[in-house]
N, C-alpha and C. Protein backbone atom coordinates (compact mmCIF):
# COMPACT_ATOMS: atom_id res chain seq x y z
N UNK A 1 45.75 197.65 108.94
CA UNK A 1 44.48 198.38 109.02
C UNK A 1 44.26 199.17 107.73
N UNK A 2 43.13 198.96 107.08
CA UNK A 2 42.82 199.66 105.85
C UNK A 2 42.48 201.12 106.15
N UNK A 3 42.93 202.01 105.26
CA UNK A 3 42.67 203.44 105.44
C UNK A 3 42.27 204.07 104.11
N UNK A 4 41.67 205.24 104.22
CA UNK A 4 41.28 206.02 103.05
C UNK A 4 42.53 206.38 102.24
N UNK A 5 42.41 206.39 100.93
CA UNK A 5 43.46 206.74 99.96
C UNK A 5 44.54 205.68 99.77
N UNK A 6 44.44 204.54 100.43
CA UNK A 6 45.41 203.48 100.14
C UNK A 6 44.84 202.60 99.03
N UNK A 7 45.70 201.94 98.27
CA UNK A 7 45.19 201.04 97.23
C UNK A 7 44.29 199.96 97.83
N UNK A 8 43.18 199.71 97.19
CA UNK A 8 42.27 198.66 97.66
C UNK A 8 42.94 197.30 97.47
N UNK A 9 42.72 196.38 98.41
CA UNK A 9 43.27 195.03 98.22
C UNK A 9 42.73 194.41 96.93
N UNK A 10 43.62 193.81 96.18
CA UNK A 10 43.23 193.18 94.93
C UNK A 10 42.40 191.93 95.23
N UNK A 11 41.63 191.50 94.28
CA UNK A 11 40.88 190.25 94.43
C UNK A 11 40.79 189.56 93.08
N UNK A 12 40.53 188.28 93.14
CA UNK A 12 40.32 187.46 91.96
C UNK A 12 39.32 186.39 92.38
N UNK A 13 38.03 186.65 92.11
CA UNK A 13 36.95 185.78 92.56
C UNK A 13 35.98 185.49 91.43
N UNK A 14 35.26 184.39 91.56
CA UNK A 14 34.28 183.99 90.56
C UNK A 14 32.88 184.47 90.94
N UNK A 15 32.12 184.81 89.91
CA UNK A 15 30.74 185.22 90.11
C UNK A 15 29.81 184.02 90.02
N UNK A 16 28.50 184.29 90.02
CA UNK A 16 27.48 183.24 89.99
C UNK A 16 27.51 182.42 88.70
N UNK A 17 28.14 182.97 87.65
CA UNK A 17 28.23 182.27 86.36
C UNK A 17 29.63 181.74 86.10
N UNK A 18 30.43 181.63 87.15
CA UNK A 18 31.81 181.13 87.10
C UNK A 18 32.71 181.97 86.19
N UNK A 19 32.46 183.27 86.15
CA UNK A 19 33.33 184.22 85.43
C UNK A 19 34.23 184.88 86.47
N UNK A 20 35.51 184.93 86.17
CA UNK A 20 36.49 185.50 87.08
C UNK A 20 36.46 187.03 87.03
N UNK A 21 36.45 187.65 88.19
CA UNK A 21 36.49 189.11 88.31
C UNK A 21 37.70 189.51 89.13
N UNK A 22 38.35 190.60 88.70
CA UNK A 22 39.50 191.16 89.41
C UNK A 22 39.25 192.65 89.62
N UNK A 23 39.90 193.20 90.63
CA UNK A 23 39.76 194.63 90.90
C UNK A 23 40.09 195.46 89.67
N UNK A 24 41.11 195.09 88.94
CA UNK A 24 41.53 195.85 87.75
C UNK A 24 40.44 195.92 86.68
N UNK A 25 39.49 194.99 86.70
CA UNK A 25 38.40 195.01 85.73
C UNK A 25 37.51 196.25 85.88
N UNK A 26 37.63 196.93 87.02
CA UNK A 26 36.74 198.04 87.34
C UNK A 26 37.43 199.40 87.30
N UNK A 27 38.68 199.43 86.85
CA UNK A 27 39.38 200.71 86.73
C UNK A 27 38.58 201.60 85.79
N UNK A 28 38.62 202.86 86.03
CA UNK A 28 37.91 203.91 85.30
C UNK A 28 36.45 204.04 85.73
N UNK A 29 36.02 203.20 86.67
CA UNK A 29 34.69 203.32 87.26
C UNK A 29 34.85 203.50 88.77
N UNK A 30 33.85 204.07 89.38
CA UNK A 30 33.74 204.00 90.83
C UNK A 30 33.19 202.61 91.13
N UNK A 31 33.56 202.08 92.28
CA UNK A 31 33.16 200.72 92.63
C UNK A 31 32.69 200.68 94.08
N UNK A 32 31.52 200.10 94.29
CA UNK A 32 31.06 199.79 95.64
C UNK A 32 31.27 198.29 95.84
N UNK A 33 32.07 197.96 96.83
CA UNK A 33 32.22 196.56 97.23
C UNK A 33 31.50 196.43 98.56
N UNK A 34 30.46 195.62 98.57
CA UNK A 34 29.78 195.42 99.84
C UNK A 34 29.87 193.94 100.23
N UNK A 35 30.32 193.73 101.45
CA UNK A 35 30.41 192.39 102.02
C UNK A 35 29.15 192.15 102.81
N UNK A 36 28.65 190.92 102.75
CA UNK A 36 27.42 190.59 103.47
C UNK A 36 27.51 189.15 103.97
N UNK A 37 26.77 188.85 105.04
CA UNK A 37 26.91 187.53 105.68
C UNK A 37 26.40 186.33 104.88
N UNK A 38 25.17 186.40 104.32
CA UNK A 38 24.58 185.16 103.80
C UNK A 38 23.49 185.45 102.78
N UNK A 39 23.54 184.72 101.67
CA UNK A 39 22.48 184.80 100.66
C UNK A 39 21.13 184.40 101.26
N UNK A 40 20.07 185.03 100.74
CA UNK A 40 18.69 184.65 101.07
C UNK A 40 18.34 184.77 102.55
N UNK A 41 18.97 185.70 103.26
CA UNK A 41 18.58 185.99 104.64
C UNK A 41 17.92 187.37 104.65
N UNK A 42 17.10 187.67 105.64
CA UNK A 42 16.30 188.91 105.59
C UNK A 42 17.11 190.20 105.41
N UNK A 43 18.13 190.42 106.24
CA UNK A 43 18.91 191.65 106.13
C UNK A 43 19.68 191.74 104.83
N UNK A 44 20.26 190.64 104.41
CA UNK A 44 21.05 190.62 103.17
C UNK A 44 20.15 190.81 101.95
N UNK A 45 18.95 190.26 102.01
CA UNK A 45 17.99 190.44 100.91
C UNK A 45 17.53 191.89 100.85
N UNK A 46 17.24 192.48 102.01
CA UNK A 46 16.81 193.88 102.05
C UNK A 46 17.89 194.79 101.45
N UNK A 47 19.14 194.57 101.84
CA UNK A 47 20.24 195.40 101.34
C UNK A 47 20.42 195.21 99.83
N UNK A 48 20.43 193.97 99.38
CA UNK A 48 20.63 193.68 97.95
C UNK A 48 19.50 194.28 97.11
N UNK A 49 18.27 194.17 97.58
CA UNK A 49 17.13 194.70 96.81
C UNK A 49 17.15 196.22 96.76
N UNK A 50 17.59 196.87 97.82
CA UNK A 50 17.71 198.33 97.80
C UNK A 50 18.77 198.76 96.79
N UNK A 51 19.89 198.05 96.75
CA UNK A 51 20.93 198.35 95.76
C UNK A 51 20.41 198.12 94.34
N UNK A 52 19.67 197.05 94.17
CA UNK A 52 19.06 196.75 92.86
C UNK A 52 18.10 197.86 92.45
N UNK A 53 17.25 198.27 93.37
CA UNK A 53 16.24 199.29 93.06
C UNK A 53 16.87 200.65 92.74
N UNK A 54 18.06 200.90 93.28
CA UNK A 54 18.76 202.17 93.03
C UNK A 54 19.80 202.06 91.92
N UNK A 55 19.75 200.99 91.14
CA UNK A 55 20.81 200.74 90.15
C UNK A 55 20.95 201.86 89.13
N UNK A 56 19.87 202.49 88.73
CA UNK A 56 19.97 203.59 87.76
C UNK A 56 20.75 204.76 88.35
N UNK A 57 20.55 205.02 89.63
CA UNK A 57 21.29 206.10 90.30
C UNK A 57 22.78 205.79 90.34
N UNK A 58 23.12 204.54 90.62
CA UNK A 58 24.53 204.15 90.64
C UNK A 58 25.13 204.25 89.24
N UNK A 59 24.36 203.83 88.25
CA UNK A 59 24.84 203.90 86.87
C UNK A 59 25.10 205.35 86.46
N UNK A 60 24.21 206.26 86.85
CA UNK A 60 24.40 207.68 86.55
C UNK A 60 25.64 208.25 87.23
N UNK A 61 26.09 207.58 88.28
CA UNK A 61 27.30 207.99 89.00
C UNK A 61 28.53 207.20 88.53
N UNK A 62 28.43 206.53 87.38
CA UNK A 62 29.54 205.73 86.83
C UNK A 62 30.07 204.75 87.87
N UNK A 63 29.14 204.12 88.59
CA UNK A 63 29.51 203.25 89.71
C UNK A 63 29.01 201.83 89.47
N UNK A 64 29.88 200.87 89.68
CA UNK A 64 29.54 199.46 89.61
C UNK A 64 29.41 198.94 91.05
N UNK A 65 28.61 197.91 91.22
CA UNK A 65 28.39 197.31 92.53
C UNK A 65 28.81 195.85 92.49
N UNK A 66 29.50 195.44 93.54
CA UNK A 66 29.88 194.04 93.71
C UNK A 66 29.52 193.64 95.14
N UNK A 67 28.80 192.53 95.27
CA UNK A 67 28.55 191.95 96.58
C UNK A 67 29.46 190.75 96.77
N UNK A 68 30.03 190.63 97.96
CA UNK A 68 30.94 189.50 98.25
C UNK A 68 30.50 188.85 99.56
N UNK A 69 30.40 187.52 99.52
CA UNK A 69 30.17 186.75 100.74
C UNK A 69 30.93 185.43 100.62
N UNK A 70 30.92 184.69 101.70
CA UNK A 70 31.61 183.40 101.69
C UNK A 70 30.73 182.29 101.10
N UNK A 71 29.54 182.64 100.65
CA UNK A 71 28.67 181.65 99.99
C UNK A 71 29.26 181.22 98.65
N UNK A 72 28.79 180.11 98.14
CA UNK A 72 29.27 179.56 96.87
C UNK A 72 28.68 180.31 95.67
N UNK A 73 29.29 180.10 94.51
CA UNK A 73 28.75 180.66 93.27
C UNK A 73 27.33 180.15 93.01
N UNK A 74 27.08 178.89 93.31
CA UNK A 74 25.75 178.30 93.11
C UNK A 74 24.72 179.01 94.00
N UNK A 75 25.08 179.27 95.24
CA UNK A 75 24.19 179.98 96.16
C UNK A 75 23.93 181.40 95.64
N UNK A 76 24.98 182.04 95.13
CA UNK A 76 24.83 183.39 94.57
C UNK A 76 23.90 183.40 93.36
N UNK A 77 24.00 182.38 92.53
CA UNK A 77 23.14 182.29 91.35
C UNK A 77 21.68 182.21 91.78
N UNK A 78 21.40 181.37 92.75
CA UNK A 78 20.04 181.21 93.26
C UNK A 78 19.54 182.54 93.86
N UNK A 79 20.34 183.16 94.70
CA UNK A 79 19.97 184.43 95.34
C UNK A 79 19.74 185.51 94.28
N UNK A 80 20.65 185.61 93.35
CA UNK A 80 20.57 186.62 92.30
C UNK A 80 19.31 186.44 91.45
N UNK A 81 19.00 185.20 91.11
CA UNK A 81 17.80 184.93 90.31
C UNK A 81 16.52 185.17 91.11
N UNK A 82 16.50 184.73 92.36
CA UNK A 82 15.32 184.91 93.21
C UNK A 82 14.98 186.39 93.41
N UNK A 83 16.01 187.22 93.51
CA UNK A 83 15.80 188.63 93.82
C UNK A 83 15.96 189.54 92.59
N UNK A 84 16.15 188.95 91.41
CA UNK A 84 16.34 189.75 90.19
C UNK A 84 17.46 190.77 90.33
N UNK A 85 18.57 190.35 90.90
CA UNK A 85 19.69 191.27 91.12
C UNK A 85 20.37 191.59 89.80
N UNK A 86 20.73 192.83 89.62
CA UNK A 86 21.34 193.28 88.36
C UNK A 86 22.78 193.74 88.57
N UNK A 87 23.43 193.18 89.57
CA UNK A 87 24.84 193.47 89.82
C UNK A 87 25.52 192.16 90.19
N UNK A 88 26.82 192.21 90.27
CA UNK A 88 27.64 191.01 90.43
C UNK A 88 27.77 190.59 91.89
N UNK A 89 27.62 189.29 92.12
CA UNK A 89 27.92 188.70 93.42
C UNK A 89 29.13 187.79 93.24
N UNK A 90 30.11 187.95 94.10
CA UNK A 90 31.33 187.14 94.01
C UNK A 90 31.44 186.19 95.19
N UNK A 91 31.88 184.98 94.90
CA UNK A 91 32.03 183.94 95.92
C UNK A 91 33.44 183.98 96.51
N UNK A 92 33.50 184.08 97.82
CA UNK A 92 34.76 184.10 98.57
C UNK A 92 34.73 182.97 99.61
N UNK A 93 34.62 181.69 99.13
CA UNK A 93 34.40 180.58 100.07
C UNK A 93 35.51 180.38 101.10
N UNK A 94 36.72 180.76 100.76
CA UNK A 94 37.82 180.62 101.73
C UNK A 94 37.93 181.84 102.64
N UNK A 95 37.22 182.90 102.29
CA UNK A 95 37.24 184.11 103.12
C UNK A 95 38.48 184.96 102.97
N UNK A 96 39.29 184.67 101.95
CA UNK A 96 40.57 185.38 101.81
C UNK A 96 40.39 186.86 101.46
N UNK A 97 39.45 187.16 100.58
CA UNK A 97 39.21 188.56 100.21
C UNK A 97 38.51 189.28 101.37
N UNK A 98 37.57 188.61 102.00
CA UNK A 98 36.92 189.20 103.17
C UNK A 98 37.96 189.54 104.24
N UNK A 99 38.91 188.65 104.43
CA UNK A 99 39.98 188.90 105.41
C UNK A 99 40.83 190.09 104.99
N UNK A 100 41.18 190.18 103.71
CA UNK A 100 42.01 191.28 103.22
C UNK A 100 41.34 192.63 103.44
N UNK A 101 40.00 192.64 103.38
CA UNK A 101 39.23 193.87 103.61
C UNK A 101 38.78 194.00 105.07
N UNK A 102 39.31 193.14 105.93
CA UNK A 102 39.01 193.16 107.37
C UNK A 102 37.51 192.99 107.61
N UNK A 103 36.89 192.14 106.81
CA UNK A 103 35.44 191.92 106.92
C UNK A 103 35.12 190.46 107.22
N UNK A 104 36.09 189.67 107.66
CA UNK A 104 35.84 188.25 107.91
C UNK A 104 35.58 188.01 109.39
N UNK A 105 34.50 187.28 109.67
CA UNK A 105 34.22 186.82 111.02
C UNK A 105 34.46 185.32 111.02
N UNK A 106 35.25 184.87 111.98
CA UNK A 106 35.56 183.44 112.03
C UNK A 106 35.48 182.97 113.47
N UNK A 107 34.73 181.91 113.67
CA UNK A 107 34.60 181.29 114.98
C UNK A 107 34.69 179.79 114.76
N UNK A 108 35.87 179.23 115.03
CA UNK A 108 36.09 177.81 114.75
C UNK A 108 35.93 177.57 113.26
N UNK A 109 35.15 176.55 112.89
CA UNK A 109 34.97 176.26 111.46
C UNK A 109 33.97 177.21 110.77
N UNK A 110 33.24 177.99 111.55
CA UNK A 110 32.23 178.90 110.99
C UNK A 110 32.90 180.20 110.56
N UNK A 111 32.63 180.59 109.31
CA UNK A 111 33.16 181.88 108.85
C UNK A 111 32.14 182.53 107.93
N UNK A 112 32.06 183.84 108.03
CA UNK A 112 31.20 184.60 107.12
C UNK A 112 31.72 186.03 107.04
N UNK A 113 31.26 186.72 106.03
CA UNK A 113 31.64 188.12 105.84
C UNK A 113 30.76 189.00 106.71
N UNK A 114 31.39 189.97 107.35
CA UNK A 114 30.64 190.97 108.11
C UNK A 114 30.03 191.95 107.12
N UNK A 115 29.02 192.68 107.57
CA UNK A 115 28.34 193.67 106.73
C UNK A 115 29.18 194.95 106.71
N UNK A 116 30.19 194.97 105.85
CA UNK A 116 31.07 196.12 105.66
C UNK A 116 31.06 196.50 104.19
N UNK A 117 31.27 197.79 103.90
CA UNK A 117 31.30 198.24 102.51
C UNK A 117 32.44 199.20 102.28
N UNK A 118 32.79 199.31 101.00
CA UNK A 118 33.89 200.18 100.58
C UNK A 118 33.53 200.85 99.27
N UNK A 119 33.89 202.12 99.16
CA UNK A 119 33.83 202.80 97.87
C UNK A 119 35.26 202.90 97.38
N UNK A 120 35.49 202.42 96.16
CA UNK A 120 36.81 202.46 95.54
C UNK A 120 36.74 203.47 94.40
N UNK A 121 37.72 204.36 94.34
CA UNK A 121 37.71 205.38 93.28
C UNK A 121 38.24 204.79 91.96
N UNK A 122 38.13 205.52 90.86
CA UNK A 122 38.54 204.96 89.56
C UNK A 122 40.04 204.64 89.44
N UNK A 123 40.84 205.11 90.38
CA UNK A 123 42.28 204.78 90.36
C UNK A 123 42.59 203.54 91.20
N UNK A 124 41.55 202.96 91.84
CA UNK A 124 41.76 201.75 92.64
C UNK A 124 42.07 202.02 94.10
N UNK A 125 41.87 203.26 94.55
CA UNK A 125 42.12 203.59 95.96
C UNK A 125 40.83 203.60 96.76
N UNK A 126 40.95 203.28 98.03
CA UNK A 126 39.79 203.29 98.92
C UNK A 126 39.39 204.75 99.17
N UNK A 127 38.13 205.06 98.86
CA UNK A 127 37.63 206.43 99.06
C UNK A 127 36.77 206.53 100.32
N UNK A 128 36.13 205.43 100.72
CA UNK A 128 35.26 205.45 101.89
C UNK A 128 35.15 204.04 102.44
N UNK A 129 35.12 203.93 103.78
CA UNK A 129 34.99 202.64 104.46
C UNK A 129 33.77 202.71 105.38
N UNK A 130 32.94 201.68 105.31
CA UNK A 130 31.76 201.58 106.17
C UNK A 130 31.90 200.32 107.03
N UNK A 131 32.00 200.49 108.32
CA UNK A 131 32.09 199.35 109.23
C UNK A 131 30.78 199.10 109.97
N UNK A 132 29.86 200.03 109.86
CA UNK A 132 28.54 199.88 110.47
C UNK A 132 27.50 200.20 109.40
N UNK A 133 26.77 199.18 108.97
CA UNK A 133 25.88 199.31 107.82
C UNK A 133 24.46 198.91 108.22
N UNK A 134 23.50 199.74 107.86
CA UNK A 134 22.09 199.40 108.03
C UNK A 134 21.55 198.95 106.67
N UNK A 135 21.07 197.71 106.56
CA UNK A 135 20.57 197.23 105.27
C UNK A 135 19.47 198.11 104.67
N UNK A 136 18.68 198.75 105.51
CA UNK A 136 17.55 199.56 105.04
C UNK A 136 17.98 200.87 104.39
N UNK A 137 19.06 201.47 104.87
CA UNK A 137 19.43 202.82 104.43
C UNK A 137 20.77 202.90 103.71
N UNK A 138 21.47 201.80 103.62
CA UNK A 138 22.84 201.84 103.10
C UNK A 138 22.92 202.30 101.64
N UNK A 139 22.00 201.86 100.81
CA UNK A 139 22.05 202.24 99.40
C UNK A 139 21.98 203.76 99.25
N UNK A 140 21.05 204.39 99.96
CA UNK A 140 20.92 205.85 99.89
C UNK A 140 22.16 206.55 100.47
N UNK A 141 22.72 205.97 101.52
CA UNK A 141 23.95 206.50 102.12
C UNK A 141 25.09 206.46 101.09
N UNK A 142 25.22 205.36 100.39
CA UNK A 142 26.25 205.22 99.36
C UNK A 142 26.07 206.25 98.25
N UNK A 143 24.84 206.44 97.79
CA UNK A 143 24.58 207.40 96.71
C UNK A 143 24.96 208.81 97.14
N UNK A 144 24.57 209.20 98.35
CA UNK A 144 24.93 210.52 98.86
C UNK A 144 26.44 210.70 98.97
N UNK A 145 27.12 209.69 99.48
CA UNK A 145 28.57 209.78 99.62
C UNK A 145 29.27 209.78 98.27
N UNK A 146 28.75 209.02 97.30
CA UNK A 146 29.34 209.01 95.96
C UNK A 146 29.23 210.39 95.32
N UNK A 147 28.09 211.06 95.48
CA UNK A 147 27.94 212.43 94.96
C UNK A 147 29.05 213.33 95.52
N UNK A 148 29.20 213.27 96.83
CA UNK A 148 30.20 214.12 97.50
C UNK A 148 31.62 213.74 97.08
N UNK A 149 31.94 212.47 97.09
CA UNK A 149 33.29 212.02 96.74
C UNK A 149 33.64 212.36 95.29
N UNK A 150 32.68 212.21 94.40
CA UNK A 150 32.96 212.50 92.99
C UNK A 150 33.16 213.99 92.76
N UNK A 151 32.45 214.82 93.49
CA UNK A 151 32.65 216.26 93.40
C UNK A 151 34.06 216.62 93.87
N UNK A 152 34.49 216.04 94.98
CA UNK A 152 35.83 216.29 95.51
C UNK A 152 36.90 215.73 94.58
N UNK A 153 36.62 214.59 93.97
CA UNK A 153 37.58 213.90 93.11
C UNK A 153 37.91 214.73 91.87
N UNK A 154 36.93 215.47 91.38
CA UNK A 154 37.11 216.28 90.17
C UNK A 154 37.98 217.51 90.42
N UNK A 155 38.08 217.93 91.68
CA UNK A 155 38.85 219.15 91.99
C UNK A 155 40.31 218.95 91.82
């Protein structure tokens, strides 16, 4: 069971442009990892667009955003281009990273990532876990929590 202050599970996944990303690539930044079920679906589009629209706020908070789903890199490229997304989407087709973050739903051959999110601090530890996410309000919730967490982190 994942808990606050434990090291975040490492990952090594490809983005929409077939570039490999690892957790260590984000050290020294705050990181939002959000898992979502499916590219180009209403709830996932709403959540991604809200994160996109708030990107300047995340940048001011020294925070990077990564979306992860079991969709392919090609699907991510299409979704990212259609929605003008300005953050990284990573393909987890085997669901291994989703499983490591306890965000994998599997029913027979069907598998997808649940809508769960994590804030990772600059040292690579889990700072916040979200198991219940509303696509409409999650971006603002993340920004508020990042403000609070960063204030506490500096102490």
